[in-house]
Amino acid sequence: MFRNPFPAVASIAIVMTAPVAAQQPADDLALVQRHLQAMTTLTADFAQTDRDGRVLKGTLTLKQPGRIRFQYQKGVPLLIVAEGGALTFIDYSVKQVQRWPIKNSPLGVLLDPSRDIGRYARVVPTADPRVVSVEANDPKHPEYGRITLVFAHDGSAPAGLLLQGWVALDSQNNRTTIRLSKQLYGGPVSDNAFRWNDPRPVTGRN
């Protein structure tokens, strides 16, 4: 049986390189907000590292507002899909489905661009002026976990930022990391990309 890689949140690793050198602006948080609002679609490859050091790979598909899909590599019977306000984790090996509101997950930072991230996020200083790191969490709900997004300055990406990945901690401090590569913004993404097959018997579905 595969462990849920998103115990209360989704996470992705970080590549600390930037294709274009740039000075960090005075208000990086506002720049991140503009990036999230300007991003319509994103596709990328990802490499996910869990707390035990196990690495899984796959492809990520995101479409605003509120839709994301983590399609794992062949042979890994897991799928994570967000749509309709819910984040769904499917383990086909045991025919199990878990769902929780997106708003209860740090993934809400990515999937609800209308939210004012200045209310629950802060810029984390980095040693590289080409890199912008933002940590987000809800202090009223520590059980939702914490996520740190990492961007690189890139003039070809929305608002001049390229999402490189993120690191997430759940309420038990379990860490999951994901690296993104081959990022493509603004490409066509069908709504059908967020459909999934329910492995549960019809009588056992909620």
C-alpha atoms as a PDB file:
ATOM      1  CA  MET A   1       0.000   0.000   0.000  1.00  0.00           C
ATOM      2  CA  PHE A   2       1.270   3.441  -0.893  1.00  0.00           C
ATOM      3  CA  ARG A   3       1.310   6.166   1.743  1.00  0.00           C
ATOM      4  CA  ASN A   4      -0.706   9.290   1.004  1.00  0.00           C
ATOM      5  CA  PRO A   5       1.967  11.727  -0.209  1.00  0.00           C
ATOM      6  CA  PHE A   6      -0.246  14.651   0.755  1.00  0.00           C
ATOM      7  CA  PRO A   7      -1.193  13.923   4.393  1.00  0.00           C
ATOM      8  CA  ALA A   8      -2.905  17.282   4.705  1.00  0.00           C
ATOM      9  CA  VAL A   9      -1.281  19.152   1.861  1.00  0.00           C
ATOM     10  CA  ALA A  10       0.514  18.859  -1.420  1.00  0.00           C
ATOM     11  CA  SER A  11       4.226  19.535  -1.780  1.00  0.00           C
ATOM     12  CA  ILE A  12       6.946  19.805  -4.314  1.00  0.00           C
ATOM     13  CA  ALA A  13      10.691  20.216  -4.316  1.00  0.00           C
ATOM     14  CA  ILE A  14      12.852  23.159  -5.108  1.00  0.00           C
ATOM     15  CA  VAL A  15      15.467  23.851  -7.758  1.00  0.00           C
ATOM     16  CA  MET A  16      17.517  26.790  -6.573  1.00  0.00           C
ATOM     17  CA  THR A  17      18.630  27.956  -9.997  1.00  0.00           C
ATOM     18  CA  ALA A  18      17.238  30.810 -12.033  1.00  0.00           C
ATOM     19  CA  PRO A  19      17.435  31.281 -15.793  1.00  0.00           C
ATOM     20  CA  VAL A  20      17.600  35.069 -15.562  1.00  0.00           C
ATOM     21  CA  ALA A  21      19.482  37.063 -12.955  1.00  0.00           C
ATOM     22  CA  ALA A  22      17.472  39.896 -11.436  1.00  0.00           C
ATOM     23  CA  GLN A  23      17.239  42.136  -8.428  1.00  0.00           C
ATOM     24  CA  GLN A  24      14.498  41.211  -5.964  1.00  0.00           C
ATOM     25  CA  PRO A  25      11.778  43.903  -5.975  1.00  0.00           C
ATOM     26  CA  ALA A  26      10.909  45.777  -2.793  1.00  0.00           C
ATOM     27  CA  ASP A  27       7.610  43.948  -2.517  1.00  0.00           C
ATOM     28  CA  ASP A  28       8.146  40.319  -3.485  1.00  0.00           C
ATOM     29  CA  LEU A  29       4.852  39.320  -1.890  1.00  0.00           C
ATOM     30  CA  ALA A  30       2.932  41.601  -4.231  1.00  0.00           C
ATOM     31  CA  LEU A  31       4.901  40.170  -7.158  1.00  0.00           C
ATOM     32  CA  VAL A  32       3.926  36.633  -6.144  1.00  0.00           C
ATOM     33  CA  GLN A  33       0.290  37.754  -5.894  1.00  0.00           C
ATOM     34  CA  ARG A  34       0.466  39.123  -9.443  1.00  0.00           C
ATOM     35  CA  HIS A  35       2.013  35.891 -10.658  1.00  0.00           C
ATOM     36  CA  LEU A  36      -0.786  33.798  -9.162  1.00  0.00           C
ATOM     37  CA  GLN A  37      -3.423  36.081 -10.639  1.00  0.00           C
ATOM     38  CA  ALA A  38      -1.790  36.067 -14.078  1.00  0.00           C
ATOM     39  CA  MET A  39      -1.306  32.291 -14.238  1.00  0.00           C
ATOM     40  CA  THR A  40      -4.122  30.674 -16.215  1.00  0.00           C
ATOM     41  CA  THR A  41      -2.663  27.226 -16.859  1.00  0.00           C
ATOM     42  CA  LEU A  42       0.557  25.402 -15.984  1.00  0.00           C
ATOM     43  CA  THR A  43       1.916  22.023 -17.006  1.00  0.00           C
ATOM     44  CA  ALA A  44       5.196  20.602 -15.715  1.00  0.00           C
ATOM     45  CA  ASP A  45       7.077  17.466 -14.783  1.00  0.00           C
ATOM     46  CA  PHE A  46       7.535  16.924 -11.054  1.00  0.00           C
ATOM     47  CA  ALA A  47       9.758  14.901  -8.749  1.00  0.00           C
ATOM     48  CA  GLN A  48       8.295  14.377  -5.292  1.00  0.00           C
ATOM     49  CA  THR A  49      10.394  13.442  -2.269  1.00  0.00           C
ATOM     50  CA  ASP A  50       8.636  12.285   0.893  1.00  0.00           C
ATOM     51  CA  ARG A  51       9.829  12.248   4.507  1.00  0.00           C
ATOM     52  CA  ASP A  52      11.523   8.861   3.989  1.00  0.00           C
ATOM     53  CA  GLY A  53      13.502  10.075   0.998  1.00  0.00           C
ATOM     54  CA  ARG A  54      11.441   8.118  -1.508  1.00  0.00           C
ATOM     55  CA  VAL A  55      11.144   9.873  -4.875  1.00  0.00           C
ATOM     56  CA  LEU A  56       8.127   9.622  -7.159  1.00  0.00           C
ATOM     57  CA  LYS A  57       7.842  11.354 -10.513  1.00  0.00           C
ATOM     58  CA  GLY A  58       4.993  12.420 -12.714  1.00  0.00           C
ATOM     59  CA  THR A  59       3.280  15.288 -14.491  1.00  0.00           C
ATOM     60  CA  LEU A  60       1.392  18.235 -13.032  1.00  0.00           C
ATOM     61  CA  THR A  61      -1.506  19.982 -14.755  1.00  0.00           C
ATOM     62  CA  LEU A  62      -3.042  23.157 -13.307  1.00  0.00           C
ATOM     63  CA  LYS A  63      -5.911  25.298 -14.551  1.00  0.00           C
ATOM     64  CA  GLN A  64      -7.335  28.279 -12.739  1.00  0.00           C
ATOM     65  CA  PRO A  65      -9.451  28.563 -10.831  1.00  0.00           C
ATOM     66  CA  GLY A  66      -9.193  25.608  -8.486  1.00  0.00           C
ATOM     67  CA  ARG A  67      -8.065  22.686 -10.639  1.00  0.00           C
ATOM     68  CA  ILE A  68      -4.878  20.643 -10.432  1.00  0.00           C
ATOM     69  CA  ARG A  69      -3.846  17.075 -11.241  1.00  0.00           C
ATOM     70  CA  PHE A  70      -0.804  15.099 -10.111  1.00  0.00           C
ATOM     71  CA  GLN A  71      -0.441  12.167 -12.500  1.00  0.00           C
ATOM     72  CA  TYR A  72       2.198   9.783 -11.150  1.00  0.00           C
ATOM     73  CA  GLN A  73       4.608   7.692 -13.179  1.00  0.00           C
ATOM     74  CA  LYS A  74       3.566   4.341 -14.598  1.00  0.00           C
ATOM     75  CA  GLY A  75       3.391   1.684 -11.904  1.00  0.00           C
ATOM     76  CA  VAL A  76       2.435   4.104  -9.102  1.00  0.00           C
ATOM     77  CA  PRO A  77      -1.301   3.591  -8.424  1.00  0.00           C
ATOM     78  CA  LEU A  78      -1.865   7.072  -7.003  1.00  0.00           C
ATOM     79  CA  LEU A  79      -3.692  10.091  -8.338  1.00  0.00           C
ATOM     80  CA  ILE A  80      -4.359  13.507  -6.826  1.00  0.00           C
ATOM     81  CA  VAL A  81      -6.970  15.791  -8.366  1.00  0.00           C
ATOM     82  CA  ALA A  82      -8.450  19.082  -7.235  1.00  0.00           C
ATOM     83  CA  GLU A  83     -11.708  20.307  -8.745  1.00  0.00           C
ATOM     84  CA  GLY A  84     -15.063  21.547  -7.541  1.00  0.00           C
ATOM     85  CA  GLY A  85     -13.584  22.935  -4.330  1.00  0.00           C
ATOM     86  CA  ALA A  86     -12.256  19.551  -3.149  1.00  0.00           C
ATOM     87  CA  LEU A  87      -8.851  17.891  -3.164  1.00  0.00           C
ATOM     88  CA  THR A  88      -9.146  14.172  -3.877  1.00  0.00           C
ATOM     89  CA  PHE A  89      -6.498  11.512  -3.192  1.00  0.00           C
ATOM     90  CA  ILE A  90      -7.075   8.177  -4.947  1.00  0.00           C
ATOM     91  CA  ASP A  91      -5.104   5.013  -4.166  1.00  0.00           C
ATOM     92  CA  TYR A  92      -6.067   2.486  -6.822  1.00  0.00           C
ATOM     93  CA  SER A  93      -4.074  -0.302  -5.161  1.00  0.00           C
ATOM     94  CA  VAL A  94      -6.543  -0.451  -2.262  1.00  0.00           C
ATOM     95  CA  LYS A  95      -9.513   1.222  -4.005  1.00  0.00           C
ATOM     96  CA  GLN A  96      -9.479   4.076  -1.488  1.00  0.00           C
ATOM     97  CA  VAL A  97     -10.594   7.675  -1.990  1.00  0.00           C
ATOM     98  CA  GLN A  98     -10.022  10.556   0.440  1.00  0.00           C
ATOM     99  CA  ARG A  99     -11.382  14.068  -0.014  1.00  0.00           C
ATOM    100  CA  TRP A 100     -11.026  17.350   1.842  1.00  0.00           C
ATOM    101  CA  PRO A 101     -11.711  21.018   1.022  1.00  0.00           C
ATOM    102  CA  ILE A 102      -9.001  22.751  -0.985  1.00  0.00           C
ATOM    103  CA  LYS A 103      -9.309  25.712   1.362  1.00  0.00           C
ATOM    104  CA  ASN A 104      -8.082  23.448   4.188  1.00  0.00           C
ATOM    105  CA  SER A 105      -4.867  22.737   2.309  1.00  0.00           C
ATOM    106  CA  PRO A 106      -1.917  25.008   1.558  1.00  0.00           C
ATOM    107  CA  LEU A 107      -2.620  24.183  -2.089  1.00  0.00           C
ATOM    108  CA  GLY A 108      -5.263  26.879  -1.791  1.00  0.00           C
ATOM    109  CA  VAL A 109      -2.424  29.370  -2.226  1.00  0.00           C
ATOM    110  CA  LEU A 110      -2.014  28.178  -5.811  1.00  0.00           C
ATOM    111  CA  LEU A 111      -5.638  27.385  -6.620  1.00  0.00           C
ATOM    112  CA  ASP A 112      -7.429  30.509  -5.388  1.00  0.00           C
ATOM    113  CA  PRO A 113      -5.703  33.533  -6.953  1.00  0.00           C
ATOM    114  CA  SER A 114      -8.398  35.833  -5.584  1.00  0.00           C
ATOM    115  CA  ARG A 115      -7.143  35.352  -2.019  1.00  0.00           C
ATOM    116  CA  ASP A 116      -5.016  38.114  -0.553  1.00  0.00           C
ATOM    117  CA  ILE A 117      -1.819  36.245   0.288  1.00  0.00           C
ATOM    118  CA  GLY A 118      -0.606  39.240   2.273  1.00  0.00           C
ATOM    119  CA  ARG A 119      -2.958  38.112   5.046  1.00  0.00           C
ATOM    120  CA  TYR A 120      -1.353  34.704   5.587  1.00  0.00           C
ATOM    121  CA  ALA A 121       2.017  34.634   3.801  1.00  0.00           C
ATOM    122  CA  ARG A 122       5.443  36.178   4.265  1.00  0.00           C
ATOM    123  CA  VAL A 123       8.609  36.437   2.216  1.00  0.00           C
ATOM    124  CA  VAL A 124      11.435  34.184   3.413  1.00  0.00           C
ATOM    125  CA  PRO A 125      14.894  35.721   2.833  1.00  0.00           C
ATOM    126  CA  THR A 126      17.165  33.787   0.468  1.00  0.00           C
ATOM    127  CA  ALA A 127      20.873  34.015  -0.272  1.00  0.00           C
ATOM    128  CA  ASP A 128      20.188  34.245  -4.010  1.00  0.00           C
ATOM    129  CA  PRO A 129      18.636  37.520  -5.286  1.00  0.00           C
ATOM    130  CA  ARG A 130      17.244  35.589  -8.262  1.00  0.00           C
ATOM    131  CA  VAL A 131      15.053  33.471  -5.966  1.00  0.00           C
ATOM    132  CA  VAL A 132      11.802  34.464  -4.233  1.00  0.00           C
ATOM    133  CA  SER A 133      10.571  32.252  -1.390  1.00  0.00           C
ATOM    134  CA  VAL A 134       7.166  32.691   0.237  1.00  0.00           C
ATOM    135  CA  GLU A 135       5.863  30.779   3.264  1.00  0.00           C
ATOM    136  CA  ALA A 136       2.104  30.505   3.791  1.00  0.00           C
ATOM    137  CA  ASN A 137      -0.015  29.125   6.610  1.00  0.00           C
ATOM    138  CA  ASP A 138      -3.234  29.885   8.450  1.00  0.00           C
ATOM    139  CA  PRO A 139      -2.342  30.768  12.064  1.00  0.00           C
ATOM    140  CA  LYS A 140      -5.937  30.096  13.084  1.00  0.00           C
ATOM    141  CA  HIS A 141      -5.751  26.568  11.683  1.00  0.00           C
ATOM    142  CA  PRO A 142      -2.293  25.018  12.226  1.00  0.00           C
ATOM    143  CA  GLU A 143      -3.788  21.644  11.338  1.00  0.00           C
ATOM    144  CA  TYR A 144      -3.920  22.803   7.705  1.00  0.00           C
ATOM    145  CA  GLY A 145      -0.130  22.694   7.540  1.00  0.00           C
ATOM    146  CA  ARG A 146       2.407  25.046   6.030  1.00  0.00           C
ATOM    147  CA  ILE A 147       3.740  25.506   2.499  1.00  0.00           C
ATOM    148  CA  THR A 148       6.777  27.340   1.152  1.00  0.00           C
ATOM    149  CA  LEU A 149       6.656  28.277  -2.521  1.00  0.00           C
ATOM    150  CA  VAL A 150       9.877  28.965  -4.398  1.00  0.00           C
ATOM    151  CA  PHE A 151      10.090  31.068  -7.556  1.00  0.00           C
ATOM    152  CA  ALA A 152      12.901  32.191  -9.843  1.00  0.00           C
ATOM    153  CA  HIS A 153      12.910  35.496 -11.703  1.00  0.00           C
ATOM    154  CA  ASP A 154      12.151  34.788 -15.365  1.00  0.00           C
ATOM    155  CA  GLY A 155      10.877  37.460 -17.724  1.00  0.00           C
ATOM    156  CA  SER A 156       9.041  34.913 -19.887  1.00  0.00           C
ATOM    157  CA  ALA A 157       6.831  33.655 -17.026  1.00  0.00           C
ATOM    158  CA  PRO A 158       3.678  35.317 -15.593  1.00  0.00           C
ATOM    159  CA  ALA A 159       4.594  38.516 -13.694  1.00  0.00           C
ATOM    160  CA  GLY A 160       8.236  37.634 -14.277  1.00  0.00           C
ATOM    161  CA  LEU A 161       8.294  34.649 -11.894  1.00  0.00           C
ATOM    162  CA  LEU A 162       8.781  30.945 -12.618  1.00  0.00           C
ATOM    163  CA  LEU A 163       7.376  28.508 -10.056  1.00  0.00           C
ATOM    164  CA  GLN A 164      10.162  26.048  -9.274  1.00  0.00           C
ATOM    165  CA  GLY A 165       8.396  24.044  -6.590  1.00  0.00           C
ATOM    166  CA  TRP A 166       7.372  23.985  -2.977  1.00  0.00           C
ATOM    167  CA  VAL A 167       7.940  22.300   0.363  1.00  0.00           C
ATOM    168  CA  ALA A 168       5.037  21.425   2.663  1.00  0.00           C
ATOM    169  CA  LEU A 169       4.783  20.417   6.293  1.00  0.00           C
ATOM    170  CA  ASP A 170       1.678  18.847   7.769  1.00  0.00           C
ATOM    171  CA  SER A 171       0.565  19.327  11.369  1.00  0.00           C
ATOM    172  CA  GLN A 172       2.888  16.468  12.437  1.00  0.00           C
ATOM    173  CA  ASN A 173       5.870  18.148  10.710  1.00  0.00           C
ATOM    174  CA  ASN A 174       6.005  15.509   7.981  1.00  0.00           C
ATOM    175  CA  ARG A 175       7.805  17.093   5.042  1.00  0.00           C
ATOM    176  CA  THR A 176       7.064  16.581   1.362  1.00  0.00           C
ATOM    177  CA  THR A 177       9.085  18.276  -1.352  1.00  0.00           C
ATOM    178  CA  ILE A 178       8.551  18.617  -5.122  1.00  0.00           C
ATOM    179  CA  ARG A 179      10.770  19.875  -7.924  1.00  0.00           C
ATOM    180  CA  LEU A 180       9.183  21.212 -11.076  1.00  0.00           C
ATOM    181  CA  SER A 181      10.787  21.097 -14.503  1.00  0.00           C
ATOM    182  CA  LYS A 182       9.714  21.754 -18.091  1.00  0.00           C
ATOM    183  CA  GLN A 183       7.208  24.362 -16.877  1.00  0.00           C
ATOM    184  CA  LEU A 184       4.814  25.624 -19.556  1.00  0.00           C
ATOM    185  CA  TYR A 185       2.427  28.483 -18.801  1.00  0.00           C
ATOM    186  CA  GLY A 186      -0.681  29.440 -20.732  1.00  0.00           C
ATOM    187  CA  GLY A 187      -0.993  26.322 -22.868  1.00  0.00           C
ATOM    188  CA  PRO A 188      -4.358  24.715 -23.695  1.00  0.00           C
ATOM    189  CA  VAL A 189      -5.706  22.478 -20.918  1.00  0.00           C
ATOM    190  CA  SER A 190      -9.024  20.681 -21.281  1.00  0.00           C
ATOM    191  CA  ASP A 191     -11.445  20.460 -18.374  1.00  0.00           C
ATOM    192  CA  ASN A 192     -11.449  16.703 -19.040  1.00  0.00           C
ATOM    193  CA  ALA A 193      -7.902  16.585 -17.670  1.00  0.00           C
ATOM    194  CA  PHE A 194      -9.345  16.738 -14.147  1.00  0.00           C
ATOM    195  CA  ARG A 195     -11.697  13.797 -14.435  1.00  0.00           C
ATOM    196  CA  TRP A 196     -10.865  10.541 -12.665  1.00  0.00           C
ATOM    197  CA  ASN A 197     -12.175   7.009 -12.312  1.00  0.00           C
ATOM    198  CA  ASP A 198     -13.556   6.072  -8.906  1.00  0.00           C
ATOM    199  CA  PRO A 199     -12.186   2.626  -7.949  1.00  0.00           C
ATOM    200  CA  ARG A 200     -14.673   2.050  -5.118  1.00  0.00           C
ATOM    201  CA  PRO A 201     -17.705  -0.183  -5.484  1.00  0.00           C
ATOM    202  CA  VAL A 202     -20.786   1.886  -6.243  1.00  0.00           C
ATOM    203  CA  THR A 203     -22.361   0.925  -2.889  1.00  0.00           C
ATOM    204  CA  GLY A 204     -19.316   2.197  -0.965  1.00  0.00           C
ATOM    205  CA  ARG A 205     -19.131   5.700  -2.397  1.00  0.00           C
ATOM    206  CA  ASN A 206     -19.977   8.821  -0.404  1.00  0.00           C
END
